[in-house]
């Protein structure tokens, strides 16, 4: 697994509310997850719920979507909203949508190919 800190820009595509913050890129996380405080600042629409495995066991989280920008690349991505998180966690679904990957030799984000096979 790789962990990298990056600056992200998060935008609610419906109302235009936005936030810049530091985020942890976690290649062990499937989904991007945001703290409840970020959800409240952006006023995101809840579109469903997902049951996810966490270190404390399974839990049900609200699901939404937003536009994320990292290193000048933008994508719409699903996000899960957690009361337990303090920081934004960027998961692999978002990385793949952005065409980014963690370079294990440098610990930095690098461009990657988007596959459609």
C-alpha atoms as a PDB file:
ATOM      1  CA  UNK A   1       0.000   0.000   0.000  1.00  0.00           C
ATOM      2  CA  UNK A   2       1.109   3.561  -0.629  1.00  0.00           C
ATOM      3  CA  UNK A   3       0.288   6.707   1.291  1.00  0.00           C
ATOM      4  CA  UNK A   4       0.916  10.153  -0.170  1.00  0.00           C
ATOM      5  CA  UNK A   5      -0.299  13.588   0.947  1.00  0.00           C
ATOM      6  CA  UNK A   6      -1.541  15.910  -1.801  1.00  0.00           C
ATOM      7  CA  UNK A   7      -3.458  19.146  -2.142  1.00  0.00           C
ATOM      8  CA  UNK A   8      -6.960  18.591  -3.512  1.00  0.00           C
ATOM      9  CA  UNK A   9      -9.743  20.853  -4.685  1.00  0.00           C
ATOM     10  CA  UNK A  10     -13.238  19.516  -3.992  1.00  0.00           C
ATOM     11  CA  UNK A  11     -16.261  21.004  -5.762  1.00  0.00           C
ATOM     12  CA  UNK A  12     -19.982  20.362  -5.399  1.00  0.00           C
ATOM     13  CA  UNK A  13     -21.041  20.092  -9.076  1.00  0.00           C
ATOM     14  CA  UNK A  14     -24.588  21.195  -8.245  1.00  0.00           C
ATOM     15  CA  UNK A  15     -24.069  24.406  -6.248  1.00  0.00           C
ATOM     16  CA  UNK A  16     -20.415  25.232  -7.050  1.00  0.00           C
ATOM     17  CA  UNK A  17     -19.275  25.238  -3.402  1.00  0.00           C
ATOM     18  CA  UNK A  18     -15.591  24.367  -3.218  1.00  0.00           C
ATOM     19  CA  UNK A  19     -12.842  23.611  -0.735  1.00  0.00           C
ATOM     20  CA  UNK A  20      -9.065  23.222  -1.009  1.00  0.00           C
ATOM     21  CA  UNK A  21      -7.441  20.921   1.530  1.00  0.00           C
ATOM     22  CA  UNK A  22      -4.711  18.359   2.045  1.00  0.00           C
ATOM     23  CA  UNK A  23      -5.715  14.747   1.490  1.00  0.00           C
ATOM     24  CA  UNK A  24      -4.155  11.371   2.089  1.00  0.00           C
ATOM     25  CA  UNK A  25      -3.909   9.167  -0.997  1.00  0.00           C
ATOM     26  CA  UNK A  26      -4.398   5.579   0.196  1.00  0.00           C
ATOM     27  CA  UNK A  27      -3.963   2.817  -2.388  1.00  0.00           C
ATOM     28  CA  UNK A  28      -5.550   0.403   0.083  1.00  0.00           C
ATOM     29  CA  UNK A  29      -8.839   2.344  -0.036  1.00  0.00           C
ATOM     30  CA  UNK A  30     -11.286   1.642  -2.852  1.00  0.00           C
ATOM     31  CA  UNK A  31     -13.468   4.756  -2.437  1.00  0.00           C
ATOM     32  CA  UNK A  32     -12.597   8.341  -1.641  1.00  0.00           C
ATOM     33  CA  UNK A  33     -13.923   9.253   1.795  1.00  0.00           C
ATOM     34  CA  UNK A  34     -14.524  12.662   3.321  1.00  0.00           C
ATOM     35  CA  UNK A  35     -15.184  13.815   6.867  1.00  0.00           C
ATOM     36  CA  UNK A  36     -18.709  14.899   7.779  1.00  0.00           C
ATOM     37  CA  UNK A  37     -17.398  18.486   8.144  1.00  0.00           C
ATOM     38  CA  UNK A  38     -16.391  18.561   4.446  1.00  0.00           C
ATOM     39  CA  UNK A  39     -19.814  17.221   3.444  1.00  0.00           C
ATOM     40  CA  UNK A  40     -21.450  19.991   5.479  1.00  0.00           C
ATOM     41  CA  UNK A  41     -19.227  22.739   3.980  1.00  0.00           C
ATOM     42  CA  UNK A  42     -19.963  21.606   0.421  1.00  0.00           C
ATOM     43  CA  UNK A  43     -23.630  20.717   1.084  1.00  0.00           C
ATOM     44  CA  UNK A  44     -23.367  17.538  -0.990  1.00  0.00           C
ATOM     45  CA  UNK A  45     -26.451  15.568  -2.024  1.00  0.00           C
ATOM     46  CA  UNK A  46     -26.721  12.082  -0.498  1.00  0.00           C
ATOM     47  CA  UNK A  47     -27.425   9.563  -3.273  1.00  0.00           C
ATOM     48  CA  UNK A  48     -27.265   6.292  -1.358  1.00  0.00           C
ATOM     49  CA  UNK A  49     -25.508   4.218   1.266  1.00  0.00           C
ATOM     50  CA  UNK A  50     -22.620   1.740   1.100  1.00  0.00           C
ATOM     51  CA  UNK A  51     -21.572  -0.901   3.598  1.00  0.00           C
ATOM     52  CA  UNK A  52     -17.779  -0.803   3.834  1.00  0.00           C
ATOM     53  CA  UNK A  53     -15.091  -2.692   5.726  1.00  0.00           C
ATOM     54  CA  UNK A  54     -13.079  -0.497   8.100  1.00  0.00           C
ATOM     55  CA  UNK A  55     -10.386  -1.242  10.674  1.00  0.00           C
ATOM     56  CA  UNK A  56     -13.190  -1.362  13.261  1.00  0.00           C
ATOM     57  CA  UNK A  57     -15.347  -3.701  11.149  1.00  0.00           C
ATOM     58  CA  UNK A  58     -18.237  -3.171   8.721  1.00  0.00           C
ATOM     59  CA  UNK A  59     -20.068   0.148   8.781  1.00  0.00           C
ATOM     60  CA  UNK A  60     -22.688   1.883   6.634  1.00  0.00           C
ATOM     61  CA  UNK A  61     -21.746   5.264   5.155  1.00  0.00           C
ATOM     62  CA  UNK A  62     -23.683   7.819   3.138  1.00  0.00           C
ATOM     63  CA  UNK A  63     -22.612   8.126  -0.504  1.00  0.00           C
ATOM     64  CA  UNK A  64     -22.401  11.282  -2.592  1.00  0.00           C
ATOM     65  CA  UNK A  65     -20.355  12.589  -5.525  1.00  0.00           C
ATOM     66  CA  UNK A  66     -18.174  15.597  -6.241  1.00  0.00           C
ATOM     67  CA  UNK A  67     -15.606  16.970  -8.644  1.00  0.00           C
ATOM     68  CA  UNK A  68     -12.057  16.417  -7.423  1.00  0.00           C
ATOM     69  CA  UNK A  69      -8.946  18.110  -8.779  1.00  0.00           C
ATOM     70  CA  UNK A  70      -5.437  16.824  -8.092  1.00  0.00           C
ATOM     71  CA  UNK A  71      -2.328  18.070  -9.902  1.00  0.00           C
ATOM     72  CA  UNK A  72      -4.445  19.895 -12.494  1.00  0.00           C
ATOM     73  CA  UNK A  73      -6.535  16.827 -13.377  1.00  0.00           C
ATOM     74  CA  UNK A  74     -10.300  16.788 -12.688  1.00  0.00           C
ATOM     75  CA  UNK A  75     -12.896  14.038 -12.449  1.00  0.00           C
ATOM     76  CA  UNK A  76     -16.329  13.421 -11.004  1.00  0.00           C
ATOM     77  CA  UNK A  77     -15.974  10.780  -8.309  1.00  0.00           C
ATOM     78  CA  UNK A  78     -18.175   8.982  -5.807  1.00  0.00           C
ATOM     79  CA  UNK A  79     -17.375   9.781  -2.171  1.00  0.00           C
ATOM     80  CA  UNK A  80     -18.332   8.223   1.133  1.00  0.00           C
ATOM     81  CA  UNK A  81     -19.055  10.425   4.151  1.00  0.00           C
ATOM     82  CA  UNK A  82     -17.565   9.408   7.491  1.00  0.00           C
ATOM     83  CA  UNK A  83     -18.148  10.808  10.970  1.00  0.00           C
ATOM     84  CA  UNK A  84     -14.879   9.166  12.076  1.00  0.00           C
ATOM     85  CA  UNK A  85     -12.482  10.746   9.569  1.00  0.00           C
ATOM     86  CA  UNK A  86     -10.587  13.950  10.222  1.00  0.00           C
ATOM     87  CA  UNK A  87      -8.964  14.167   6.770  1.00  0.00           C
ATOM     88  CA  UNK A  88      -9.968  13.455   3.175  1.00  0.00           C
ATOM     89  CA  UNK A  89      -8.797  10.023   1.959  1.00  0.00           C
ATOM     90  CA  UNK A  90      -8.414   9.556  -1.811  1.00  0.00           C
ATOM     91  CA  UNK A  91      -9.038   5.974  -2.950  1.00  0.00           C
ATOM     92  CA  UNK A  92      -8.059   4.056  -6.060  1.00  0.00           C
ATOM     93  CA  UNK A  93     -11.344   4.591  -7.950  1.00  0.00           C
ATOM     94  CA  UNK A  94     -10.637   8.320  -7.923  1.00  0.00           C
ATOM     95  CA  UNK A  95      -6.963   7.861  -8.807  1.00  0.00           C
ATOM     96  CA  UNK A  96      -7.911   5.727 -11.799  1.00  0.00           C
ATOM     97  CA  UNK A  97     -10.522   8.256 -12.955  1.00  0.00           C
ATOM     98  CA  UNK A  98      -7.848  10.969 -12.810  1.00  0.00           C
ATOM     99  CA  UNK A  99      -5.235   8.861 -14.596  1.00  0.00           C
ATOM    100  CA  UNK A 100      -2.911   8.992 -11.590  1.00  0.00           C
ATOM    101  CA  UNK A 101      -1.037   6.356  -9.587  1.00  0.00           C
ATOM    102  CA  UNK A 102       1.402   6.292  -6.680  1.00  0.00           C
ATOM    103  CA  UNK A 103       4.965   5.689  -7.847  1.00  0.00           C
ATOM    104  CA  UNK A 104       6.328   3.165  -5.321  1.00  0.00           C
ATOM    105  CA  UNK A 105       9.931   4.215  -5.973  1.00  0.00           C
ATOM    106  CA  UNK A 106       9.394   7.915  -5.192  1.00  0.00           C
ATOM    107  CA  UNK A 107       6.215   7.922  -3.101  1.00  0.00           C
ATOM    108  CA  UNK A 108       4.811  10.615  -5.406  1.00  0.00           C
ATOM    109  CA  UNK A 109       1.802  10.689  -7.713  1.00  0.00           C
ATOM    110  CA  UNK A 110       2.531  10.092 -11.384  1.00  0.00           C
ATOM    111  CA  UNK A 111       0.425   9.936 -14.535  1.00  0.00           C
ATOM    112  CA  UNK A 112      -0.888   6.512 -15.456  1.00  0.00           C
ATOM    113  CA  UNK A 113      -2.776   5.093 -18.400  1.00  0.00           C
ATOM    114  CA  UNK A 114      -6.533   4.798 -18.169  1.00  0.00           C
ATOM    115  CA  UNK A 115      -7.485   1.319 -19.328  1.00  0.00           C
ATOM    116  CA  UNK A 116     -10.662   0.423 -21.176  1.00  0.00           C
ATOM    117  CA  UNK A 117     -10.288  -3.270 -21.923  1.00  0.00           C
END
